[in-house]
């Protein structure tokens, strides 16, 4: 492999990364560790992350009182025409319930699944949002290990992060960085994920 060809590959990978997008919807009651870890890891990877709140104000109060200022209101998203390479849902029971009750968001996730783009969720959201709406009936998936969530999961796995096709799920706050890194691996490549893992001192 020549220096020139290596340079071309680097530029191609950079351009591909710059064009990648992810929507992270949040609401009052969202789990803050999970939201921030996913947002942070994906942005470190060069992915364009849009944080959209379902609330009427950009400032969204998470499950432990941490306030996250979203990039935009979810109502500003063009549900029919806006396309994202990934839609990633943080957990937190209150936030998950709000996400699950938003018909426009559910429509986007269903379209994401059907068009083979990444749809991802962690903690309560795989159960409360995905499973409860029939989005993972055909998928292995994981969630927070509480009976109220597990009982809704059609094909529950105890793995920390599960990838089944274009669906990525994870368990909770302690697996949030792994969850973000797995999204990076699937969207970009394992080398980028491993590089970030080393930079974050994550095992």
Protein backbone atom coordinates (compact mmCIF):
# COMPACT_ATOMS: atom_id res chain seq x y z
CA UNK A 1 0.00 0.00 0.00
CA UNK A 2 1.50 3.33 -1.07
CA UNK A 3 1.57 6.53 0.93
CA UNK A 4 -0.81 8.04 -1.61
CA UNK A 5 -3.36 5.24 -1.31
CA UNK A 6 -3.21 5.44 2.49
CA UNK A 7 -3.82 9.18 2.26
CA UNK A 8 -6.83 8.63 0.00
CA UNK A 9 -8.29 6.11 2.47
CA UNK A 10 -7.81 8.53 5.37
CA UNK A 11 -9.60 11.29 3.45
CA UNK A 12 -12.40 8.92 2.42
CA UNK A 13 -12.90 7.81 6.03
CA UNK A 14 -12.86 11.41 7.22
CA UNK A 15 -15.47 12.47 4.67
CA UNK A 16 -17.66 9.50 5.55
CA UNK A 17 -17.44 10.27 9.26
CA UNK A 18 -18.23 13.95 8.72
CA UNK A 19 -21.44 13.00 6.92
CA UNK A 20 -22.71 10.64 9.62
CA UNK A 21 -25.60 11.85 11.76
CA UNK A 22 -27.36 10.71 14.90
CA UNK A 23 -30.54 11.89 16.59
CA UNK A 24 -30.66 11.61 20.40
CA UNK A 25 -34.17 12.44 21.63
CA UNK A 26 -34.55 13.30 25.32
CA UNK A 27 -37.35 14.27 27.70
CA UNK A 28 -37.82 15.12 31.36
CA UNK A 29 -36.80 12.00 33.26
CA UNK A 30 -34.14 10.88 30.79
CA UNK A 31 -31.17 9.15 32.46
CA UNK A 32 -28.39 11.72 32.30
CA UNK A 33 -25.36 9.41 32.35
CA UNK A 34 -26.71 7.46 29.41
CA UNK A 35 -27.63 10.56 27.42
CA UNK A 36 -24.35 12.38 27.97
CA UNK A 37 -22.15 9.31 27.40
CA UNK A 38 -23.78 8.56 24.05
CA UNK A 39 -23.70 12.19 22.93
CA UNK A 40 -20.08 12.60 24.04
CA UNK A 41 -18.71 9.37 22.55
CA UNK A 42 -20.40 9.91 19.19
CA UNK A 43 -19.23 13.52 18.97
CA UNK A 44 -15.68 12.43 19.80
CA UNK A 45 -15.98 10.10 16.82
CA UNK A 46 -16.87 13.03 14.57
CA UNK A 47 -20.54 12.11 14.22
CA UNK A 48 -22.99 15.01 13.93
CA UNK A 49 -25.29 14.50 16.93
CA UNK A 50 -28.58 16.36 17.24
CA UNK A 51 -30.04 16.39 20.75
CA UNK A 52 -33.76 17.04 20.47
CA UNK A 53 -36.03 17.45 23.48
CA UNK A 54 -39.68 16.49 23.57
CA UNK A 55 -40.28 19.27 26.10
CA UNK A 56 -41.44 22.81 25.31
CA UNK A 57 -38.13 24.29 26.47
CA UNK A 58 -34.58 23.39 25.46
CA UNK A 59 -33.61 22.85 29.09
CA UNK A 60 -34.58 19.30 29.99
CA UNK A 61 -34.48 18.00 33.57
CA UNK A 62 -33.08 14.48 33.76
CA UNK A 63 -33.87 11.73 36.26
CA UNK A 64 -31.38 12.91 38.92
CA UNK A 65 -31.99 16.61 38.45
CA UNK A 66 -29.19 17.30 35.97
CA UNK A 67 -30.33 19.80 33.33
CA UNK A 68 -29.34 19.18 29.71
CA UNK A 69 -29.77 21.95 27.15
CA UNK A 70 -30.89 20.35 23.91
CA UNK A 71 -29.88 21.53 20.45
CA UNK A 72 -33.49 21.89 19.36
CA UNK A 73 -37.06 21.00 20.18
CA UNK A 74 -38.17 17.69 18.73
CA UNK A 75 -41.15 19.52 17.24
CA UNK A 76 -38.66 21.27 14.92
CA UNK A 77 -37.59 17.92 13.42
CA UNK A 78 -39.05 17.22 9.98
CA UNK A 79 -40.37 13.75 10.75
CA UNK A 80 -41.14 12.91 7.13
CA UNK A 81 -37.94 14.15 5.51
CA UNK A 82 -35.11 14.33 8.06
CA UNK A 83 -32.89 11.25 7.79
CA UNK A 84 -30.35 10.13 10.41
CA UNK A 85 -27.81 7.33 10.21
CA UNK A 86 -28.69 6.48 13.80
CA UNK A 87 -31.44 7.23 16.30
CA UNK A 88 -30.18 6.50 19.84
CA UNK A 89 -32.47 6.56 22.86
CA UNK A 90 -31.17 7.01 26.40
CA UNK A 91 -33.13 5.38 29.22
CA UNK A 92 -34.59 6.61 32.47
CA UNK A 93 -38.15 5.42 33.07
CA UNK A 94 -39.79 8.83 32.93
CA UNK A 95 -37.92 9.79 29.78
CA UNK A 96 -38.54 6.40 28.15
CA UNK A 97 -42.28 6.69 28.78
CA UNK A 98 -42.30 10.13 27.16
CA UNK A 99 -40.40 8.83 24.13
CA UNK A 100 -42.74 5.84 23.84
CA UNK A 101 -45.80 8.08 23.80
CA UNK A 102 -44.56 10.29 20.96
CA UNK A 103 -46.11 8.99 17.74
CA UNK A 104 -43.83 11.02 15.50
CA UNK A 105 -40.72 9.58 17.15
CA UNK A 106 -42.11 6.05 16.92
CA UNK A 107 -42.79 6.63 13.22
CA UNK A 108 -39.17 7.71 12.71
CA UNK A 109 -37.85 4.66 14.57
CA UNK A 110 -40.04 2.28 12.57
CA UNK A 111 -38.82 3.90 9.35
CA UNK A 112 -35.25 3.63 10.64
CA UNK A 113 -35.71 -0.09 11.20
CA UNK A 114 -37.38 -0.73 7.85
CA UNK A 115 -34.77 1.23 5.89
CA UNK A 116 -31.88 -0.60 7.58
CA UNK A 117 -30.46 2.37 9.45
CA UNK A 118 -29.32 2.06 13.06
CA UNK A 119 -31.89 2.30 15.84
CA UNK A 120 -30.47 1.99 19.33
CA UNK A 121 -31.63 2.18 22.94
CA UNK A 122 -30.32 1.62 26.45
CA UNK A 123 -31.72 0.86 29.91
CA UNK A 124 -35.53 1.12 30.07
CA UNK A 125 -35.94 2.25 26.46
CA UNK A 126 -35.42 -1.11 24.68
CA UNK A 127 -38.38 -2.42 26.68
CA UNK A 128 -40.57 0.65 27.14
CA UNK A 129 -40.08 2.08 23.63
CA UNK A 130 -38.96 -0.73 21.33
CA UNK A 131 -40.53 -3.90 22.74
CA UNK A 132 -43.81 -2.30 23.80
CA UNK A 133 -44.31 -1.06 20.25
CA UNK A 134 -43.39 -4.29 18.48
CA UNK A 135 -40.12 -2.95 17.08
CA UNK A 136 -37.90 -5.82 18.26
CA UNK A 137 -40.17 -8.85 18.06
CA UNK A 138 -37.64 -10.37 15.64
CA UNK A 139 -34.46 -9.24 17.45
CA UNK A 140 -32.22 -10.31 20.28
CA UNK A 141 -31.94 -7.37 22.66
CA UNK A 142 -31.10 -6.38 26.21
CA UNK A 143 -32.35 -3.77 28.67
CA UNK A 144 -32.09 -2.78 32.33
CA UNK A 145 -32.31 -6.05 34.32
CA UNK A 146 -35.55 -5.41 36.21
CA UNK A 147 -38.52 -7.72 35.84
CA UNK A 148 -40.83 -4.89 34.78
CA UNK A 149 -38.65 -4.41 31.70
CA UNK A 150 -37.48 -7.96 31.03
CA UNK A 151 -41.02 -9.35 30.90
CA UNK A 152 -41.77 -7.16 27.87
CA UNK A 153 -38.67 -8.27 25.96
CA UNK A 154 -39.43 -10.96 23.36
CA UNK A 155 -35.82 -12.21 23.02
CA UNK A 156 -33.95 -11.01 26.09
CA UNK A 157 -30.16 -11.25 26.33
CA UNK A 158 -28.01 -10.68 29.41
CA UNK A 159 -25.11 -9.32 27.34
CA UNK A 160 -23.98 -5.79 28.17
CA UNK A 161 -24.43 -4.61 24.58
CA UNK A 162 -26.36 -6.52 21.90
CA UNK A 163 -26.25 -5.97 18.16
CA UNK A 164 -28.87 -7.73 16.03
CA UNK A 165 -28.93 -6.42 12.49
CA UNK A 166 -29.41 -2.67 12.61
CA UNK A 167 -30.62 -2.71 16.24
CA UNK A 168 -28.23 -1.96 19.13
CA UNK A 169 -29.31 -2.23 22.77
CA UNK A 170 -27.60 -1.98 26.14
CA UNK A 171 -28.33 -2.31 29.84
CA UNK A 172 -27.82 0.86 31.87
CA UNK A 173 -25.59 3.69 33.12
CA UNK A 174 -22.61 1.39 33.69
CA UNK A 175 -22.68 0.20 30.07
CA UNK A 176 -23.33 3.59 28.47
CA UNK A 177 -19.78 4.15 27.19
CA UNK A 178 -19.70 0.62 25.73
CA UNK A 179 -23.03 1.36 24.09
CA UNK A 180 -21.67 4.52 22.50
CA UNK A 181 -18.51 2.75 21.36
CA UNK A 182 -20.54 -0.03 19.76
CA UNK A 183 -22.56 2.54 17.81
CA UNK A 184 -19.26 4.04 16.63
CA UNK A 185 -18.00 0.60 15.63
CA UNK A 186 -21.12 -0.14 13.59
CA UNK A 187 -21.37 3.31 11.99
CA UNK A 188 -17.65 3.80 11.29
CA UNK A 189 -15.38 0.85 12.08
CA UNK A 190 -13.80 -1.11 14.93
CA UNK A 191 -10.50 0.79 14.67
CA UNK A 192 -12.22 4.10 15.44
CA UNK A 193 -14.09 2.50 18.33
CA UNK A 194 -10.90 0.98 19.74
CA UNK A 195 -9.04 4.30 19.44
CA UNK A 196 -11.78 6.08 21.39
CA UNK A 197 -11.88 3.29 23.96
CA UNK A 198 -8.17 3.74 24.63
CA UNK A 199 -8.50 7.53 24.82
CA UNK A 200 -11.37 7.19 27.31
CA UNK A 201 -9.43 4.65 29.41
CA UNK A 202 -12.44 2.38 29.05
CA UNK A 203 -12.12 -1.39 29.25
